[in-house]
């Protein structure tokens, strides 16, 4: 159940970050409210994750996947295309998440 909560936390965090961009410095009410609610939901689910997943592992996956998803969505919707080095960095982040999940003894499989 921990990884389902982690997926929900990641999805909520991504939604919140996109709403943060759309809020234009909290000048638009609806996107500002969506941002606040989505971050609240993200932290709620992250708190549930920490009952069963080590905090370092959970945070690494949460932050890493959030970075990669936001970058991908930003490239599509905002035409903010990462350069080669940014893509390499994101590849390393994804590689780290995979290594943690597949090979680390810290993760409860």
PDB file of N, CA and C in Angstrom:
ATOM      1  N   UNK A   1       0.820  -1.194   0.000  1.00  0.00           N
ATOM      2  CA  UNK A   1       0.000   0.000   0.000  1.00  0.00           C
ATOM      3  C   UNK A   1       0.865   1.261   0.000  1.00  0.00           C
ATOM      4  N   UNK A   2       2.087   1.153   0.550  1.00  0.00           N
ATOM      5  CA  UNK A   2       2.978   2.296   0.626  1.00  0.00           C
ATOM      6  C   UNK A   2       3.308   2.880  -0.736  1.00  0.00           C
ATOM      7  N   UNK A   3       3.514   2.013  -1.726  1.00  0.00           N
ATOM      8  CA  UNK A   3       3.876   2.519  -3.043  1.00  0.00           C
ATOM      9  C   UNK A   3       2.680   3.085  -3.794  1.00  0.00           C
ATOM     10  N   UNK A   4       1.492   2.637  -3.477  1.00  0.00           N
ATOM     11  CA  UNK A   4       0.289   3.277  -4.032  1.00  0.00           C
ATOM     12  C   UNK A   4       0.178   4.692  -3.468  1.00  0.00           C
ATOM     13  N   UNK A   5       0.374   4.835  -2.167  1.00  0.00           N
ATOM     14  CA  UNK A   5       0.362   6.166  -1.546  1.00  0.00           C
ATOM     15  C   UNK A   5       1.473   7.051  -2.115  1.00  0.00           C
ATOM     16  N   UNK A   6       2.621   6.437  -2.386  1.00  0.00           N
ATOM     17  CA  UNK A   6       3.724   7.207  -2.951  1.00  0.00           C
ATOM     18  C   UNK A   6       3.361   7.718  -4.348  1.00  0.00           C
ATOM     19  N   UNK A   7       2.722   6.887  -5.141  1.00  0.00           N
ATOM     20  CA  UNK A   7       2.281   7.326  -6.478  1.00  0.00           C
ATOM     21  C   UNK A   7       1.275   8.476  -6.361  1.00  0.00           C
ATOM     22  N   UNK A   8       0.376   8.387  -5.405  1.00  0.00           N
ATOM     23  CA  UNK A   8      -0.594   9.463  -5.191  1.00  0.00           C
ATOM     24  C   UNK A   8       0.095  10.736  -4.708  1.00  0.00           C
ATOM     25  N   UNK A   9       1.103  10.586  -3.861  1.00  0.00           N
ATOM     26  CA  UNK A   9       1.856  11.747  -3.384  1.00  0.00           C
ATOM     27  C   UNK A   9       2.603  12.411  -4.540  1.00  0.00           C
ATOM     28  N   UNK A  10       3.197  11.605  -5.395  1.00  0.00           N
ATOM     29  CA  UNK A  10       3.928  12.147  -6.547  1.00  0.00           C
ATOM     30  C   UNK A  10       2.961  12.851  -7.496  1.00  0.00           C
ATOM     31  N   UNK A  11       1.846  12.210  -7.800  1.00  0.00           N
ATOM     32  CA  UNK A  11       0.863  12.822  -8.699  1.00  0.00           C
ATOM     33  C   UNK A  11       0.323  14.130  -8.149  1.00  0.00           C
ATOM     34  N   UNK A  12       0.055  14.163  -6.856  1.00  0.00           N
ATOM     35  CA  UNK A  12      -0.445  15.386  -6.227  1.00  0.00           C
ATOM     36  C   UNK A  12       0.601  16.485  -6.241  1.00  0.00           C
ATOM     37  N   UNK A  13       1.847  16.112  -6.009  1.00  0.00           N
ATOM     38  CA  UNK A  13       2.927  17.095  -6.013  1.00  0.00           C
ATOM     39  C   UNK A  13       3.126  17.675  -7.408  1.00  0.00           C
ATOM     40  N   UNK A  14       3.031  16.838  -8.421  1.00  0.00           N
ATOM     41  CA  UNK A  14       3.165  17.314  -9.797  1.00  0.00           C
ATOM     42  C   UNK A  14       2.020  18.269 -10.131  1.00  0.00           C
ATOM     43  N   UNK A  15       0.801  17.899  -9.769  1.00  0.00           N
ATOM     44  CA  UNK A  15      -0.351  18.782  -9.988  1.00  0.00           C
ATOM     45  C   UNK A  15      -0.160  20.113  -9.268  1.00  0.00           C
ATOM     46  N   UNK A  16       0.307  20.050  -8.030  1.00  0.00           N
ATOM     47  CA  UNK A  16       0.515  21.266  -7.247  1.00  0.00           C
ATOM     48  C   UNK A  16       1.565  22.170  -7.889  1.00  0.00           C
ATOM     49  N   UNK A  17       2.639  21.588  -8.379  1.00  0.00           N
ATOM     50  CA  UNK A  17       3.693  22.386  -9.001  1.00  0.00           C
ATOM     51  C   UNK A  17       3.207  23.027 -10.294  1.00  0.00           C
ATOM     52  N   UNK A  18       2.430  22.294 -11.073  1.00  0.00           N
ATOM     53  CA  UNK A  18       1.860  22.876 -12.291  1.00  0.00           C
ATOM     54  C   UNK A  18       0.893  24.008 -11.946  1.00  0.00           C
ATOM     55  N   UNK A  19       0.100  23.815 -10.903  1.00  0.00           N
ATOM     56  CA  UNK A  19      -0.818  24.867 -10.466  1.00  0.00           C
ATOM     57  C   UNK A  19      -0.033  26.073  -9.953  1.00  0.00           C
ATOM     58  N   UNK A  20       1.091  25.830  -9.307  1.00  0.00           N
ATOM     59  CA  UNK A  20       1.941  26.921  -8.821  1.00  0.00           C
ATOM     60  C   UNK A  20       2.418  27.778  -9.991  1.00  0.00           C
ATOM     61  N   UNK A  21       2.817  27.130 -11.063  1.00  0.00           N
ATOM     62  CA  UNK A  21       3.228  27.872 -12.266  1.00  0.00           C
ATOM     63  C   UNK A  21       2.056  28.683 -12.813  1.00  0.00           C
ATOM     64  N   UNK A  22       0.888  28.065 -12.882  1.00  0.00           N
ATOM     65  CA  UNK A  22      -0.290  28.732 -13.436  1.00  0.00           C
ATOM     66  C   UNK A  22      -0.817  29.856 -12.540  1.00  0.00           C
ATOM     67  N   UNK A  23      -0.474  29.811 -11.258  1.00  0.00           N
ATOM     68  CA  UNK A  23      -0.991  30.823 -10.333  1.00  0.00           C
ATOM     69  C   UNK A  23      -0.347  32.194 -10.537  1.00  0.00           C
ATOM     70  N   UNK A  24       0.774  32.221 -11.283  1.00  0.00           N
ATOM     71  CA  UNK A  24       1.478  33.490 -11.550  1.00  0.00           C
ATOM     72  C   UNK A  24       1.748  34.254 -10.247  1.00  0.00           C
ATOM     73  N   UNK A  25       2.428  33.594  -9.330  1.00  0.00           N
ATOM     74  CA  UNK A  25       2.757  34.243  -8.054  1.00  0.00           C
ATOM     75  C   UNK A  25       1.550  34.392  -7.147  1.00  0.00           C
ATOM     76  N   UNK A  26       0.656  33.433  -7.186  1.00  0.00           N
ATOM     77  CA  UNK A  26      -0.580  33.415  -6.401  1.00  0.00           C
ATOM     78  C   UNK A  26      -1.497  34.592  -6.728  1.00  0.00           C
ATOM     79  N   UNK A  27      -1.485  35.017  -7.979  1.00  0.00           N
ATOM     80  CA  UNK A  27      -2.378  36.101  -8.389  1.00  0.00           C
ATOM     81  C   UNK A  27      -3.680  35.587  -8.997  1.00  0.00           C
ATOM     82  N   UNK A  28      -3.736  34.288  -9.310  1.00  0.00           N
ATOM     83  CA  UNK A  28      -4.972  33.679  -9.819  1.00  0.00           C
ATOM     84  C   UNK A  28      -5.535  32.748  -8.752  1.00  0.00           C
ATOM     85  N   UNK A  29      -6.751  33.019  -8.343  1.00  0.00           N
ATOM     86  CA  UNK A  29      -7.350  32.334  -7.198  1.00  0.00           C
ATOM     87  C   UNK A  29      -7.494  30.835  -7.416  1.00  0.00           C
ATOM     88  N   UNK A  30      -8.074  30.415  -8.533  1.00  0.00           N
ATOM     89  CA  UNK A  30      -8.358  28.990  -8.719  1.00  0.00           C
ATOM     90  C   UNK A  30      -7.075  28.168  -8.731  1.00  0.00           C
ATOM     91  N   UNK A  31      -6.081  28.583  -9.504  1.00  0.00           N
ATOM     92  CA  UNK A  31      -4.838  27.813  -9.531  1.00  0.00           C
ATOM     93  C   UNK A  31      -4.103  27.884  -8.197  1.00  0.00           C
ATOM     94  N   UNK A  32      -4.252  28.976  -7.474  1.00  0.00           N
ATOM     95  CA  UNK A  32      -3.645  29.078  -6.145  1.00  0.00           C
ATOM     96  C   UNK A  32      -4.292  28.102  -5.172  1.00  0.00           C
ATOM     97  N   UNK A  33      -5.604  27.991  -5.226  1.00  0.00           N
ATOM     98  CA  UNK A  33      -6.331  27.050  -4.358  1.00  0.00           C
ATOM     99  C   UNK A  33      -5.972  25.612  -4.729  1.00  0.00           C
ATOM    100  N   UNK A  34      -5.921  25.322  -6.031  1.00  0.00           N
ATOM    101  CA  UNK A  34      -5.528  23.974  -6.480  1.00  0.00           C
ATOM    102  C   UNK A  34      -4.129  23.650  -5.978  1.00  0.00           C
ATOM    103  N   UNK A  35      -3.229  24.609  -6.064  1.00  0.00           N
ATOM    104  CA  UNK A  35      -1.866  24.421  -5.589  1.00  0.00           C
ATOM    105  C   UNK A  35      -1.843  24.065  -4.107  1.00  0.00           C
ATOM    106  N   UNK A  36      -2.528  24.826  -3.300  1.00  0.00           N
ATOM    107  CA  UNK A  36      -2.557  24.600  -1.858  1.00  0.00           C
ATOM    108  C   UNK A  36      -3.151  23.229  -1.523  1.00  0.00           C
ATOM    109  N   UNK A  37      -4.276  22.904  -2.143  1.00  0.00           N
ATOM    110  CA  UNK A  37      -4.935  21.619  -1.863  1.00  0.00           C
ATOM    111  C   UNK A  37      -4.063  20.453  -2.324  1.00  0.00           C
ATOM    112  N   UNK A  38      -3.494  20.574  -3.527  1.00  0.00           N
ATOM    113  CA  UNK A  38      -2.690  19.470  -4.050  1.00  0.00           C
ATOM    114  C   UNK A  38      -1.424  19.247  -3.220  1.00  0.00           C
ATOM    115  N   UNK A  39      -0.772  20.326  -2.771  1.00  0.00           N
ATOM    116  CA  UNK A  39       0.391  20.137  -1.891  1.00  0.00           C
ATOM    117  C   UNK A  39      -0.023  19.511  -0.561  1.00  0.00           C
ATOM    118  N   UNK A  40      -1.170  19.897  -0.041  1.00  0.00           N
ATOM    119  CA  UNK A  40      -1.672  19.302   1.200  1.00  0.00           C
ATOM    120  C   UNK A  40      -1.901  17.806   1.014  1.00  0.00           C
ATOM    121  N   UNK A  41      -2.547  17.439  -0.089  1.00  0.00           N
ATOM    122  CA  UNK A  41      -2.796  16.024  -0.398  1.00  0.00           C
ATOM    123  C   UNK A  41      -1.466  15.283  -0.573  1.00  0.00           C
ATOM    124  N   UNK A  42      -0.514  15.908  -1.259  1.00  0.00           N
ATOM    125  CA  UNK A  42       0.783  15.269  -1.483  1.00  0.00           C
ATOM    126  C   UNK A  42       1.484  14.959  -0.155  1.00  0.00           C
ATOM    127  N   UNK A  43       1.501  15.929   0.740  1.00  0.00           N
ATOM    128  CA  UNK A  43       2.161  15.693   2.030  1.00  0.00           C
ATOM    129  C   UNK A  43       1.386  14.709   2.895  1.00  0.00           C
ATOM    130  N   UNK A  44       0.068  14.705   2.770  1.00  0.00           N
ATOM    131  CA  UNK A  44      -0.720  13.718   3.506  1.00  0.00           C
ATOM    132  C   UNK A  44      -0.341  12.307   3.064  1.00  0.00           C
ATOM    133  N   UNK A  45      -0.335  12.080   1.744  1.00  0.00           N
ATOM    134  CA  UNK A  45       0.008  10.740   1.265  1.00  0.00           C
ATOM    135  C   UNK A  45       1.461  10.405   1.544  1.00  0.00           C
ATOM    136  N   UNK A  46       2.354  11.382   1.459  1.00  0.00           N
ATOM    137  CA  UNK A  46       3.749  11.118   1.797  1.00  0.00           C
ATOM    138  C   UNK A  46       3.881  10.704   3.259  1.00  0.00           C
ATOM    139  N   UNK A  47       3.077  11.294   4.128  1.00  0.00           N
ATOM    140  CA  UNK A  47       3.124  10.906   5.545  1.00  0.00           C
ATOM    141  C   UNK A  47       2.664   9.460   5.731  1.00  0.00           C
ATOM    142  N   UNK A  48       1.708   9.023   4.920  1.00  0.00           N
ATOM    143  CA  UNK A  48       1.271   7.622   4.989  1.00  0.00           C
ATOM    144  C   UNK A  48       2.343   6.681   4.453  1.00  0.00           C
ATOM    145  N   UNK A  49       3.044   7.118   3.421  1.00  0.00           N
ATOM    146  CA  UNK A  49       4.127   6.316   2.857  1.00  0.00           C
ATOM    147  C   UNK A  49       5.184   6.030   3.912  1.00  0.00           C
ATOM    148  N   UNK A  50       5.475   7.028   4.737  1.00  0.00           N
ATOM    149  CA  UNK A  50       6.567   6.899   5.698  1.00  0.00           C
ATOM    150  C   UNK A  50       6.278   5.906   6.814  1.00  0.00           C
ATOM    151  N   UNK A  51       5.047   5.404   6.873  1.00  0.00           N
ATOM    152  CA  UNK A  51       4.743   4.342   7.831  1.00  0.00           C
ATOM    153  C   UNK A  51       5.353   3.013   7.407  1.00  0.00           C
ATOM    154  N   UNK A  52       5.573   2.834   6.087  1.00  0.00           N
ATOM    155  CA  UNK A  52       6.031   1.532   5.596  1.00  0.00           C
ATOM    156  C   UNK A  52       7.298   1.595   4.747  1.00  0.00           C
ATOM    157  N   UNK A  53       7.689   2.780   4.301  1.00  0.00           N
ATOM    158  CA  UNK A  53       8.864   2.923   3.439  1.00  0.00           C
ATOM    159  C   UNK A  53       9.869   3.825   4.161  1.00  0.00           C
ATOM    160  N   UNK A  54      11.131   3.464   4.096  1.00  0.00           N
ATOM    161  CA  UNK A  54      12.179   4.263   4.738  1.00  0.00           C
ATOM    162  C   UNK A  54      12.135   5.699   4.211  1.00  0.00           C
ATOM    163  N   UNK A  55      12.317   6.666   5.090  1.00  0.00           N
ATOM    164  CA  UNK A  55      12.163   8.068   4.732  1.00  0.00           C
ATOM    165  C   UNK A  55      13.123   8.483   3.617  1.00  0.00           C
ATOM    166  N   UNK A  56      14.353   8.029   3.659  1.00  0.00           N
ATOM    167  CA  UNK A  56      15.307   8.386   2.614  1.00  0.00           C
ATOM    168  C   UNK A  56      14.916   7.843   1.255  1.00  0.00           C
ATOM    169  N   UNK A  57      14.460   6.624   1.237  1.00  0.00           N
ATOM    170  CA  UNK A  57      14.027   5.996  -0.007  1.00  0.00           C
ATOM    171  C   UNK A  57      12.768   6.677  -0.528  1.00  0.00           C
ATOM    172  N   UNK A  58      11.799   6.880   0.336  1.00  0.00           N
ATOM    173  CA  UNK A  58      10.539   7.511  -0.079  1.00  0.00           C
ATOM    174  C   UNK A  58      10.793   8.903  -0.633  1.00  0.00           C
ATOM    175  N   UNK A  59      11.630   9.676   0.048  1.00  0.00           N
ATOM    176  CA  UNK A  59      11.878  11.041  -0.391  1.00  0.00           C
ATOM    177  C   UNK A  59      12.656  11.063  -1.699  1.00  0.00           C
ATOM    178  N   UNK A  60      13.609  10.160  -1.849  1.00  0.00           N
ATOM    179  CA  UNK A  60      14.380  10.096  -3.096  1.00  0.00           C
ATOM    180  C   UNK A  60      13.473   9.792  -4.278  1.00  0.00           C
ATOM    181  N   UNK A  61      12.577   8.845  -4.103  1.00  0.00           N
ATOM    182  CA  UNK A  61      11.650   8.486  -5.185  1.00  0.00           C
ATOM    183  C   UNK A  61      10.680   9.631  -5.439  1.00  0.00           C
ATOM    184  N   UNK A  62      10.122  10.190  -4.382  1.00  0.00           N
ATOM    185  CA  UNK A  62       9.144  11.274  -4.502  1.00  0.00           C
ATOM    186  C   UNK A  62       9.755  12.476  -5.222  1.00  0.00           C
ATOM    187  N   UNK A  63      10.904  12.904  -4.759  1.00  0.00           N
ATOM    188  CA  UNK A  63      11.546  14.079  -5.357  1.00  0.00           C
ATOM    189  C   UNK A  63      12.033  13.782  -6.775  1.00  0.00           C
ATOM    190  N   UNK A  64      12.669  12.644  -6.961  1.00  0.00           N
ATOM    191  CA  UNK A  64      13.211  12.294  -8.275  1.00  0.00           C
ATOM    192  C   UNK A  64      12.139  12.165  -9.335  1.00  0.00           C
ATOM    193  N   UNK A  65      11.091  11.460  -9.019  1.00  0.00           N
ATOM    194  CA  UNK A  65      10.010  11.293  -9.993  1.00  0.00           C
ATOM    195  C   UNK A  65       9.295  12.614 -10.236  1.00  0.00           C
ATOM    196  N   UNK A  66       9.159  13.420  -9.204  1.00  0.00           N
ATOM    197  CA  UNK A  66       8.542  14.733  -9.377  1.00  0.00           C
ATOM    198  C   UNK A  66       9.342  15.597 -10.336  1.00  0.00           C
ATOM    199  N   UNK A  67      10.659  15.604 -10.182  1.00  0.00           N
ATOM    200  CA  UNK A  67      11.536  16.380 -11.055  1.00  0.00           C
ATOM    201  C   UNK A  67      11.375  15.932 -12.502  1.00  0.00           C
ATOM    202  N   UNK A  68      11.451  14.642 -12.731  1.00  0.00           N
ATOM    203  CA  UNK A  68      11.390  14.120 -14.094  1.00  0.00           C
ATOM    204  C   UNK A  68      10.017  14.373 -14.718  1.00  0.00           C
ATOM    205  N   UNK A  69       8.958  14.139 -13.968  1.00  0.00           N
ATOM    206  CA  UNK A  69       7.612  14.349 -14.511  1.00  0.00           C
ATOM    207  C   UNK A  69       7.346  15.820 -14.804  1.00  0.00           C
ATOM    208  N   UNK A  70       7.736  16.705 -13.902  1.00  0.00           N
ATOM    209  CA  UNK A  70       7.543  18.140 -14.136  1.00  0.00           C
ATOM    210  C   UNK A  70       8.334  18.586 -15.360  1.00  0.00           C
ATOM    211  N   UNK A  71       9.555  18.115 -15.500  1.00  0.00           N
ATOM    212  CA  UNK A  71      10.368  18.487 -16.664  1.00  0.00           C
ATOM    213  C   UNK A  71       9.720  18.000 -17.958  1.00  0.00           C
ATOM    214  N   UNK A  72       9.198  16.776 -17.944  1.00  0.00           N
ATOM    215  CA  UNK A  72       8.552  16.233 -19.145  1.00  0.00           C
ATOM    216  C   UNK A  72       7.284  17.001 -19.491  1.00  0.00           C
ATOM    217  N   UNK A  73       6.468  17.266 -18.488  1.00  0.00           N
ATOM    218  CA  UNK A  73       5.221  17.998 -18.722  1.00  0.00           C
ATOM    219  C   UNK A  73       5.516  19.430 -19.158  1.00  0.00           C
ATOM    220  N   UNK A  74       6.518  20.048 -18.559  1.00  0.00           N
ATOM    221  CA  UNK A  74       6.898  21.412 -18.934  1.00  0.00           C
ATOM    222  C   UNK A  74       7.388  21.476 -20.374  1.00  0.00           C
ATOM    223  N   UNK A  75       8.083  20.440 -20.800  1.00  0.00           N
ATOM    224  CA  UNK A  75       8.554  20.397 -22.190  1.00  0.00           C
ATOM    225  C   UNK A  75       7.376  20.348 -23.158  1.00  0.00           C
ATOM    226  N   UNK A  76       6.350  19.591 -22.808  1.00  0.00           N
ATOM    227  CA  UNK A  76       5.192  19.436 -23.697  1.00  0.00           C
ATOM    228  C   UNK A  76       4.297  20.672 -23.674  1.00  0.00           C
ATOM    229  N   UNK A  77       3.929  21.127 -22.488  1.00  0.00           N
ATOM    230  CA  UNK A  77       2.930  22.187 -22.377  1.00  0.00           C
ATOM    231  C   UNK A  77       3.496  23.607 -22.413  1.00  0.00           C
ATOM    232  N   UNK A  78       4.719  23.794 -21.916  1.00  0.00           N
ATOM    233  CA  UNK A  78       5.296  25.133 -21.843  1.00  0.00           C
ATOM    234  C   UNK A  78       6.471  25.318 -22.797  1.00  0.00           C
ATOM    235  N   UNK A  79       6.778  24.280 -23.561  1.00  0.00           N
ATOM    236  CA  UNK A  79       7.894  24.316 -24.517  1.00  0.00           C
ATOM    237  C   UNK A  79       9.216  24.660 -23.840  1.00  0.00           C
ATOM    238  N   UNK A  80       9.364  24.231 -22.589  1.00  0.00           N
ATOM    239  CA  UNK A  80      10.608  24.418 -21.840  1.00  0.00           C
ATOM    240  C   UNK A  80      11.444  23.148 -22.011  1.00  0.00           C
ATOM    241  N   UNK A  81      12.139  23.078 -23.132  1.00  0.00           N
ATOM    242  CA  UNK A  81      12.867  21.876 -23.519  1.00  0.00           C
ATOM    243  C   UNK A  81      14.209  21.831 -22.789  1.00  0.00           C
ATOM    244  N   UNK A  82      14.450  20.762 -22.016  1.00  0.00           N
ATOM    245  CA  UNK A  82      15.743  20.649 -21.321  1.00  0.00           C
ATOM    246  C   UNK A  82      16.868  20.402 -22.322  1.00  0.00           C
ATOM    247  N   UNK A  83      18.046  20.942 -22.027  1.00  0.00           N
ATOM    248  CA  UNK A  83      19.194  20.679 -22.890  1.00  0.00           C
ATOM    249  C   UNK A  83      19.762  19.288 -22.585  1.00  0.00           C
ATOM    250  N   UNK A  84      20.814  18.929 -23.313  1.00  0.00           N
ATOM    251  CA  UNK A  84      21.376  17.592 -23.193  1.00  0.00           C
ATOM    252  C   UNK A  84      21.823  17.280 -21.771  1.00  0.00           C
ATOM    253  N   UNK A  85      22.509  18.217 -21.131  1.00  0.00           N
ATOM    254  CA  UNK A  85      23.004  17.951 -19.774  1.00  0.00           C
ATOM    255  C   UNK A  85      21.853  17.803 -18.779  1.00  0.00           C
ATOM    256  N   UNK A  86      20.790  18.575 -18.957  1.00  0.00           N
ATOM    257  CA  UNK A  86      19.619  18.420 -18.090  1.00  0.00           C
ATOM    258  C   UNK A  86      18.997  17.040 -18.289  1.00  0.00           C
ATOM    259  N   UNK A  87      18.911  16.612 -19.547  1.00  0.00           N
ATOM    260  CA  UNK A  87      18.372  15.268 -19.827  1.00  0.00           C
ATOM    261  C   UNK A  87      19.256  14.187 -19.217  1.00  0.00           C
ATOM    262  N   UNK A  88      20.568  14.361 -19.286  1.00  0.00           N
ATOM    263  CA  UNK A  88      21.481  13.393 -18.674  1.00  0.00           C
ATOM    264  C   UNK A  88      21.287  13.353 -17.160  1.00  0.00           C
ATOM    265  N   UNK A  89      21.122  14.521 -16.558  1.00  0.00           N
ATOM    266  CA  UNK A  89      20.876  14.566 -15.118  1.00  0.00           C
ATOM    267  C   UNK A  89      19.593  13.838 -14.749  1.00  0.00           C
ATOM    268  N   UNK A  90      18.549  14.051 -15.543  1.00  0.00           N
ATOM    269  CA  UNK A  90      17.280  13.367 -15.271  1.00  0.00           C
ATOM    270  C   UNK A  90      17.404  11.865 -15.495  1.00  0.00           C
ATOM    271  N   UNK A  91      18.205  11.470 -16.487  1.00  0.00           N
ATOM    272  CA  UNK A  91      18.472  10.050 -16.693  1.00  0.00           C
ATOM    273  C   UNK A  91      19.150   9.458 -15.461  1.00  0.00           C
ATOM    274  N   UNK A  92      20.095  10.193 -14.890  1.00  0.00           N
ATOM    275  CA  UNK A  92      20.774   9.718 -13.681  1.00  0.00           C
ATOM    276  C   UNK A  92      19.807   9.632 -12.497  1.00  0.00           C
ATOM    277  N   UNK A  93      18.893  10.596 -12.402  1.00  0.00           N
ATOM    278  CA  UNK A  93      17.886  10.547 -11.333  1.00  0.00           C
ATOM    279  C   UNK A  93      17.030   9.298 -11.488  1.00  0.00           C
ATOM    280  N   UNK A  94      16.518   9.064 -12.700  1.00  0.00           N
ATOM    281  CA  UNK A  94      15.703   7.864 -12.931  1.00  0.00           C
ATOM    282  C   UNK A  94      16.501   6.588 -12.669  1.00  0.00           C
ATOM    283  N   UNK A  95      17.764   6.590 -13.072  1.00  0.00           N
ATOM    284  CA  UNK A  95      18.618   5.428 -12.812  1.00  0.00           C
ATOM    285  C   UNK A  95      18.750   5.191 -11.313  1.00  0.00           C
ATOM    286  N   UNK A  96      18.912   6.255 -10.561  1.00  0.00           N
ATOM    287  CA  UNK A  96      19.011   6.129  -9.108  1.00  0.00           C
ATOM    288  C   UNK A  96      17.746   5.564  -8.494  1.00  0.00           C
ATOM    289  N   UNK A  97      16.598   6.021  -8.967  1.00  0.00           N
ATOM    290  CA  UNK A  97      15.321   5.503  -8.459  1.00  0.00           C
ATOM    291  C   UNK A  97      15.204   4.011  -8.766  1.00  0.00           C
ATOM    292  N   UNK A  98      15.582   3.621  -9.975  1.00  0.00           N
ATOM    293  CA  UNK A  98      15.520   2.199 -10.347  1.00  0.00           C
ATOM    294  C   UNK A  98      16.482   1.379  -9.502  1.00  0.00           C
ATOM    295  N   UNK A  99      17.698   1.873  -9.317  1.00  0.00           N
ATOM    296  CA  UNK A  99      18.682   1.148  -8.508  1.00  0.00           C
ATOM    297  C   UNK A  99      18.182   0.978  -7.078  1.00  0.00           C
ATOM    298  N   UNK A 100      17.628   2.037  -6.513  1.00  0.00           N
ATOM    299  CA  UNK A 100      17.094   1.960  -5.152  1.00  0.00           C
ATOM    300  C   UNK A 100      16.023   0.886  -5.068  1.00  0.00           C
ATOM    301  N   UNK A 101      15.101   0.896  -6.025  1.00  0.00           N
ATOM    302  CA  UNK A 101      13.976  -0.031  -5.966  1.00  0.00           C
ATOM    303  C   UNK A 101      14.338  -1.466  -6.282  1.00  0.00           C
ATOM    304  N   UNK A 102      15.283  -1.669  -7.164  1.00  0.00           N
ATOM    305  CA  UNK A 102      15.603  -3.026  -7.586  1.00  0.00           C
ATOM    306  C   UNK A 102      16.681  -3.667  -6.719  1.00  0.00           C
ATOM    307  N   UNK A 103      17.688  -2.895  -6.337  1.00  0.00           N
ATOM    308  CA  UNK A 103      18.854  -3.504  -5.705  1.00  0.00           C
ATOM    309  C   UNK A 103      19.038  -3.179  -4.236  1.00  0.00           C
ATOM    310  N   UNK A 104      18.459  -2.117  -3.730  1.00  0.00           N
ATOM    311  CA  UNK A 104      18.709  -1.726  -2.345  1.00  0.00           C
ATOM    312  C   UNK A 104      18.008  -2.648  -1.359  1.00  0.00           C
ATOM    313  N   UNK A 105      18.699  -2.979  -0.299  1.00  0.00           N
ATOM    314  CA  UNK A 105      18.101  -3.784   0.769  1.00  0.00           C
ATOM    315  C   UNK A 105      17.297  -2.900   1.718  1.00  0.00           C
ATOM    316  N   UNK A 106      17.396  -1.584   1.550  1.00  0.00           N
ATOM    317  CA  UNK A 106      16.636  -0.640   2.370  1.00  0.00           C
ATOM    318  C   UNK A 106      15.157  -0.685   2.027  1.00  0.00           C
ATOM    319  N   UNK A 107      14.861  -1.005   0.761  1.00  0.00           N
ATOM    320  CA  UNK A 107      13.466  -1.024   0.284  1.00  0.00           C
ATOM    321  C   UNK A 107      12.808  -2.323   0.694  1.00  0.00           C
ATOM    322  N   UNK A 108      11.597  -2.218   1.221  1.00  0.00           N
ATOM    323  CA  UNK A 108      10.815  -3.406   1.544  1.00  0.00           C
ATOM    324  C   UNK A 108      10.111  -3.887   0.286  1.00  0.00           C
ATOM    325  N   UNK A 109      10.530  -5.033  -0.229  1.00  0.00           N
ATOM    326  CA  UNK A 109       9.939  -5.549  -1.464  1.00  0.00           C
ATOM    327  C   UNK A 109       8.761  -6.444  -1.160  1.00  0.00           C
TER     328      UNK A 109
END
